[in-house]
Amino acid sequence: MDDLIYNYCALYEAIFSSEGILPDAILRKYGLLNLTDKQLRRLEAMEMKRLHDEKMTLNEIGKLFNMSDSGVYRRIKKVEEVEE
């Protein structure tokens, strides 16, 4: 497939995907961004923290990311520990 087609597919998916999917994950899926699994999890955790800071509940965030609220809590705590 031509590289331009990958760009259009990624753009289409980013526009019409749910809020829980990060654009970075979509770009990684199409090979347009090189991220390791660890880096992607870190980005997701940072996004979870941002949503929580904006007063979203752990349960709501968990539904966006297909995780339990306790899993979301643990990821947010890891991000906060690194920031300190």
Protein backbone atom coordinates (compact mmCIF):
# COMPACT_ATOMS: atom_id res chain seq x y z
CA MET A 1 0.00 0.00 0.00
CA ASP A 2 1.23 3.48 -0.83
CA ASP A 3 2.43 5.59 2.13
CA LEU A 4 -0.13 8.27 1.34
CA ILE A 5 -2.92 5.74 1.74
CA TYR A 6 -1.62 4.88 5.24
CA ASN A 7 -1.73 8.59 6.08
CA TYR A 8 -5.34 8.89 4.92
CA CYS A 9 -6.35 5.72 6.78
CA ALA A 10 -4.73 7.00 9.98
CA LEU A 11 -6.40 10.39 9.61
CA TYR A 12 -9.81 8.79 8.99
CA GLU A 13 -9.45 6.53 12.01
CA ALA A 14 -8.25 9.38 14.24
CA ILE A 15 -11.26 11.50 13.29
CA PHE A 16 -13.88 8.79 13.75
CA SER A 17 -12.41 6.79 16.64
CA SER A 18 -13.65 6.94 20.21
CA GLU A 19 -12.10 9.36 22.68
CA GLY A 20 -10.20 6.56 24.40
CA ILE A 21 -7.86 5.94 21.48
CA LEU A 22 -4.84 8.17 21.36
CA PRO A 23 -3.76 9.51 17.96
CA ASP A 24 -0.27 8.20 18.74
CA ALA A 25 -1.65 4.65 18.97
CA ILE A 26 -3.31 5.05 15.58
CA LEU A 27 -0.14 6.38 13.99
CA ARG A 28 1.79 3.46 15.50
CA LYS A 29 -0.77 1.00 14.09
CA TYR A 30 -0.11 2.24 10.54
CA GLY A 31 3.66 2.34 10.99
CA LEU A 32 3.79 6.12 10.89
CA LEU A 33 5.18 6.47 14.42
CA ASN A 34 7.71 4.21 16.08
CA LEU A 35 6.75 3.62 19.70
CA THR A 36 7.55 0.70 21.93
CA ASP A 37 4.79 -0.90 23.99
CA LYS A 38 6.28 0.74 27.07
CA GLN A 39 6.20 4.19 25.48
CA LEU A 40 2.60 3.71 24.37
CA ARG A 41 1.53 2.61 27.86
CA ARG A 42 3.25 5.70 29.27
CA LEU A 43 1.35 7.96 26.86
CA GLU A 44 -1.91 6.24 27.80
CA ALA A 45 -1.14 6.71 31.50
CA MET A 46 -0.43 10.40 30.96
CA GLU A 47 -3.73 10.77 29.12
CA MET A 48 -5.53 8.96 31.96
CA LYS A 49 -4.00 11.38 34.45
CA ARG A 50 -5.03 14.36 32.33
CA LEU A 51 -8.61 13.09 32.15
CA HIS A 52 -8.65 12.47 35.90
CA ASP A 53 -7.32 15.97 36.55
CA GLU A 54 -10.26 17.24 34.46
CA LYS A 55 -12.58 15.55 36.99
CA MET A 56 -13.40 12.36 35.09
CA THR A 57 -13.97 9.42 37.40
CA LEU A 58 -11.71 6.37 37.38
CA ASN A 59 -14.66 4.29 36.24
CA GLU A 60 -15.34 6.58 33.24
CA ILE A 61 -11.67 6.55 32.26
CA GLY A 62 -11.58 2.77 32.65
CA LYS A 63 -14.47 2.42 30.20
CA LEU A 64 -12.61 4.53 27.62
CA PHE A 65 -9.47 2.40 27.89
CA ASN A 66 -11.15 -0.99 28.55
CA MET A 67 -9.59 -1.23 31.99
CA SER A 68 -10.79 -1.60 35.55
CA ASP A 69 -10.89 1.50 37.70
CA SER A 70 -8.18 0.00 39.92
CA GLY A 71 -5.94 -0.48 36.86
CA VAL A 72 -6.46 3.14 35.89
CA TYR A 73 -5.66 4.21 39.45
CA ARG A 74 -2.37 2.27 39.44
CA ARG A 75 -1.28 3.78 36.13
CA ILE A 76 -2.11 7.30 37.29
CA LYS A 77 -0.14 6.76 40.50
CA LYS A 78 2.91 5.61 38.53
CA VAL A 79 2.79 8.79 36.44
CA GLU A 80 2.51 10.92 39.58
CA GLU A 81 5.48 9.12 41.17
CA VAL A 82 7.66 9.83 38.14
CA GLU A 83 6.65 13.50 38.13
CA GLU A 84 7.74 13.99 41.75
